[in-house]
Amino acid sequence: FDLGMDIGSVSFNLVVMTPWGEVFREVYVRHLGETYRTALNLLESLGEEFPLDSCRLAAFTGLGGKALAESLGGVFVNEVFAQARGTYHFQPQVRTIIDMGGEDAKLILVGEEAGHLVIQDFAMNTMCAAGTGSFLDQQANRLGYSVEDFSELALKSTTPPRIAGRCSVFAKTDMIHLQQGATPDYEIIAGLCQAMARNLKSNIAKGKTITPPVAF
């Protein structure tokens, strides 16, 4: 089997695949800053079903991928290439990839030439929580929800308010005013999601053509 690990600023993603690309197992877990301990726990959890001496290839990507690849003797892959190749493997028709992580957000424009993937352009956000998963995490914590609850709650909205999306401090101020005005939480949450979309459109996607199909 092949093993892939994506070590982000917030979470670990692990996938076990056959050499021909079929997914056996996938795991998502927040590492809470303990990347090495989490890696060890995940590898031990593979147990007898996937003994490590049967691993043909171990590849690592993400913020902490290089250090782990060096420690465990694996291969490090740049996360833009990993994201593009992974998307192309499962959905080769996709032409725009939007990836929103804990610390950064990416826009990757891809094409195809002679049956092969071509990365035509990409852009990333500046080092700021606004427009990333951490932005939603912060605001979810303020409202007393998990970020996993956000999608379901946001769908209840009919009139989402406009909330500042360029700065998490300004967003907090807008939220406090809305809460003081008894605006329902689900409306505020929908406003936050729209603020993130506007931020991505005006910041990362500025001057670029988003060609469908789009993968998120």
Protein backbone atom coordinates (compact mmCIF):
# COMPACT_ATOMS: atom_id res chain seq x y z
CA PHE A 1 0.00 0.00 0.00
CA ASP A 2 0.91 3.68 -0.31
CA LEU A 3 0.68 6.13 2.57
CA GLY A 4 0.06 9.88 2.33
CA MET A 5 0.11 12.40 5.17
CA ASP A 6 -0.85 16.09 4.97
CA ILE A 7 0.40 17.98 8.01
CA GLY A 8 -1.32 21.35 8.15
CA SER A 9 -1.23 24.16 10.70
CA VAL A 10 -4.35 22.78 12.40
CA SER A 11 -4.92 19.20 11.29
CA PHE A 12 -3.45 15.93 10.08
CA ASN A 13 -4.89 14.13 7.09
CA LEU A 14 -3.80 10.56 6.50
CA VAL A 15 -4.74 8.36 3.55
CA VAL A 16 -3.91 4.72 2.77
CA MET A 17 -4.17 3.81 -0.91
CA THR A 18 -3.49 0.92 -3.24
CA PRO A 19 -0.62 1.43 -5.73
CA TRP A 20 -3.30 2.00 -8.43
CA GLY A 21 -5.05 4.77 -6.51
CA GLU A 22 -7.95 3.14 -4.65
CA VAL A 23 -8.51 4.63 -1.19
CA PHE A 24 -8.46 2.10 1.67
CA ARG A 25 -8.68 4.46 4.61
CA GLU A 26 -8.73 8.19 5.29
CA VAL A 27 -8.34 9.95 8.65
CA TYR A 28 -8.74 13.60 9.65
CA VAL A 29 -7.67 14.72 13.12
CA ARG A 30 -6.67 18.01 14.74
CA HIS A 31 -3.14 17.77 16.08
CA LEU A 32 -3.38 20.67 18.61
CA GLY A 33 0.26 21.57 17.90
CA GLU A 34 1.58 18.07 18.69
CA THR A 35 2.47 17.01 15.16
CA TYR A 36 5.02 14.29 15.96
CA ARG A 37 2.88 12.67 18.66
CA THR A 38 -0.16 12.74 16.35
CA ALA A 39 1.88 11.21 13.51
CA LEU A 40 3.04 8.40 15.80
CA ASN A 41 -0.50 7.74 17.04
CA LEU A 42 -1.87 7.63 13.49
CA LEU A 43 0.85 5.28 12.26
CA GLU A 44 0.30 2.99 15.25
CA SER A 45 -3.45 3.02 14.57
CA LEU A 46 -2.85 1.35 11.19
CA GLY A 47 -2.08 -1.79 13.22
CA GLU A 48 -2.07 -5.25 11.73
CA GLU A 49 -4.40 -4.28 8.88
CA PHE A 50 -1.68 -2.10 7.30
CA PRO A 51 1.73 -3.21 8.65
CA LEU A 52 4.31 -0.52 7.93
CA ASP A 53 6.80 -3.02 6.46
CA SER A 54 4.26 -3.49 3.64
CA CYS A 55 4.26 0.24 2.84
CA ARG A 56 5.57 0.77 -0.71
CA LEU A 57 5.68 4.57 -0.59
CA ALA A 58 5.20 7.23 2.12
CA ALA A 59 4.63 10.79 0.90
CA PHE A 60 4.22 13.93 3.01
CA THR A 61 2.90 17.39 2.26
CA GLY A 62 1.74 20.50 4.08
CA LEU A 63 3.27 22.93 6.55
CA GLY A 64 4.98 20.23 8.64
CA GLY A 65 5.45 17.71 5.83
CA LYS A 66 9.12 18.34 5.11
CA ALA A 67 10.31 17.77 8.70
CA LEU A 68 8.30 14.55 9.00
CA ALA A 69 9.46 13.28 5.61
CA GLU A 70 13.07 13.74 6.71
CA SER A 71 12.42 12.08 10.09
CA LEU A 72 10.59 9.06 8.68
CA GLY A 73 12.47 8.65 5.41
CA GLY A 74 9.54 9.56 3.19
CA VAL A 75 9.08 11.78 0.15
CA PHE A 76 8.07 15.45 0.53
CA VAL A 77 5.66 16.91 -2.05
CA ASN A 78 4.88 20.63 -2.37
CA GLU A 79 1.28 21.17 -1.26
CA VAL A 80 0.23 23.03 -4.44
CA PHE A 81 1.39 20.08 -6.56
CA ALA A 82 -0.16 17.59 -4.12
CA GLN A 83 -3.51 19.38 -4.17
CA ALA A 84 -3.52 19.70 -7.96
CA ARG A 85 -2.47 16.08 -8.59
CA GLY A 86 -4.91 14.73 -6.02
CA THR A 87 -7.82 16.66 -7.51
CA TYR A 88 -6.82 15.65 -11.04
CA HIS A 89 -6.66 11.99 -10.00
CA PHE A 90 -10.27 11.96 -8.78
CA GLN A 91 -11.83 14.73 -10.93
CA PRO A 92 -9.71 15.28 -14.08
CA GLN A 93 -12.32 17.66 -15.56
CA VAL A 94 -11.75 20.28 -12.80
CA ARG A 95 -10.10 23.53 -13.96
CA THR A 96 -10.11 25.62 -10.75
CA ILE A 97 -9.22 24.42 -7.25
CA ILE A 98 -10.02 26.43 -4.12
CA ASP A 99 -8.39 25.09 -0.97
CA MET A 100 -9.11 26.76 2.37
CA GLY A 101 -6.84 25.51 5.13
CA GLY A 102 -6.36 26.52 8.73
CA GLU A 103 -3.58 29.00 7.98
CA ASP A 104 -3.76 29.69 4.26
CA ALA A 105 -6.13 29.68 1.33
CA LYS A 106 -5.08 28.72 -2.20
CA LEU A 107 -6.45 29.18 -5.69
CA ILE A 108 -4.97 26.81 -8.27
CA LEU A 109 -5.78 27.06 -11.99
CA VAL A 110 -5.12 23.84 -13.90
CA GLY A 111 -5.35 22.55 -17.44
CA GLU A 112 -4.55 19.44 -19.42
CA GLU A 113 -2.10 18.88 -22.26
CA ALA A 114 -1.66 15.54 -24.01
CA GLY A 115 -3.46 13.79 -21.16
CA HIS A 116 -1.26 15.32 -18.47
CA LEU A 117 -2.02 17.83 -15.71
CA VAL A 118 -0.65 21.36 -16.16
CA ILE A 119 -0.67 23.92 -13.33
CA GLN A 120 -1.28 27.19 -15.14
CA ASP A 121 -1.33 29.61 -12.20
CA PHE A 122 -1.85 29.74 -8.45
CA ALA A 123 -2.23 32.29 -5.66
CA MET A 124 -2.17 32.20 -1.87
CA ASN A 125 -3.36 34.58 0.84
CA THR A 126 -1.06 36.72 2.95
CA MET A 127 -0.23 35.54 6.49
CA CYS A 128 -3.49 36.60 8.11
CA ALA A 129 -6.36 34.64 9.68
CA ALA A 130 -8.98 36.47 7.60
CA GLY A 131 -10.11 34.27 4.72
CA THR A 132 -8.91 30.99 6.24
CA GLY A 133 -10.28 28.17 8.36
CA SER A 134 -8.78 29.77 11.47
CA PHE A 135 -11.03 32.77 10.89
CA LEU A 136 -14.11 30.54 11.02
CA ASP A 137 -12.68 28.60 13.98
CA GLN A 138 -12.25 31.82 15.96
CA GLN A 139 -15.76 33.07 15.23
CA ALA A 140 -17.34 29.65 15.83
CA ASN A 141 -15.68 29.56 19.24
CA ARG A 142 -17.04 33.04 20.02
CA LEU A 143 -20.58 31.91 19.17
CA GLY A 144 -20.23 28.63 21.07
CA TYR A 145 -20.42 26.29 18.06
CA SER A 146 -18.03 23.87 16.43
CA VAL A 147 -16.93 24.86 12.94
CA GLU A 148 -18.48 21.57 11.74
CA ASP A 149 -21.92 22.97 12.70
CA PHE A 150 -21.49 26.04 10.51
CA SER A 151 -22.68 24.64 7.17
CA GLU A 152 -25.95 23.28 8.51
CA LEU A 153 -26.71 26.47 10.45
CA ALA A 154 -25.78 28.80 7.58
CA LEU A 155 -28.28 27.06 5.29
CA LYS A 156 -31.14 28.24 7.54
CA SER A 157 -30.37 31.86 6.69
CA THR A 158 -32.71 33.96 4.55
CA THR A 159 -31.22 37.46 5.04
CA PRO A 160 -27.50 37.19 5.88
CA PRO A 161 -26.03 40.47 7.19
CA ARG A 162 -22.89 42.00 5.71
CA ILE A 163 -19.86 41.31 7.93
CA ALA A 164 -16.29 42.53 7.41
CA GLY A 165 -14.23 39.68 6.00
CA ARG A 166 -10.84 41.34 5.50
CA CYS A 167 -9.99 41.44 9.19
CA SER A 168 -11.00 39.11 12.02
CA VAL A 169 -10.96 42.03 14.49
CA PHE A 170 -13.45 44.03 12.40
CA ALA A 171 -15.57 40.90 11.90
CA LYS A 172 -15.76 40.45 15.68
CA THR A 173 -16.95 44.07 16.06
CA ASP A 174 -19.67 43.53 13.43
CA MET A 175 -20.77 40.30 15.14
CA ILE A 176 -21.05 41.97 18.54
CA HIS A 177 -23.30 44.70 17.07
CA LEU A 178 -25.47 42.07 15.35
CA GLN A 179 -25.76 40.01 18.55
CA GLN A 180 -26.74 43.12 20.49
CA GLY A 181 -29.48 43.65 17.92
CA ALA A 182 -30.77 40.08 18.51
CA THR A 183 -29.78 38.85 15.05
CA PRO A 184 -30.13 35.03 14.99
CA ASP A 185 -26.87 33.10 15.10
CA TYR A 186 -27.57 31.31 11.82
CA GLU A 187 -27.88 34.67 10.01
CA ILE A 188 -24.54 35.82 11.50
CA ILE A 189 -22.90 32.54 10.48
CA ALA A 190 -24.16 32.86 6.91
CA GLY A 191 -22.83 36.44 6.86
CA LEU A 192 -19.42 35.17 7.98
CA CYS A 193 -19.35 32.55 5.21
CA GLN A 194 -20.26 35.16 2.60
CA ALA A 195 -17.57 37.47 4.00
CA MET A 196 -14.99 34.72 3.45
CA ALA A 197 -16.18 34.21 -0.11
CA ARG A 198 -15.92 37.95 -0.84
CA ASN A 199 -12.44 38.05 0.70
CA LEU A 200 -11.26 35.17 -1.46
CA LYS A 201 -12.76 36.74 -4.58
CA SER A 202 -11.24 40.19 -4.02
CA ASN A 203 -7.89 39.05 -2.63
CA ILE A 204 -6.71 35.69 -3.98
CA ALA A 205 -8.80 35.57 -7.15
CA LYS A 206 -8.20 39.20 -8.10
CA GLY A 207 -7.29 39.47 -11.79
CA LYS A 208 -7.70 35.73 -12.37
CA THR A 209 -10.36 33.90 -14.34
CA ILE A 210 -12.15 31.20 -12.35
CA THR A 211 -13.00 28.56 -14.94
CA PRO A 212 -15.54 25.85 -14.08
CA PRO A 213 -15.70 23.09 -13.01
CA VAL A 214 -14.47 24.30 -9.61
CA ALA A 215 -13.31 21.97 -6.83
CA PHE A 216 -13.44 23.08 -3.20
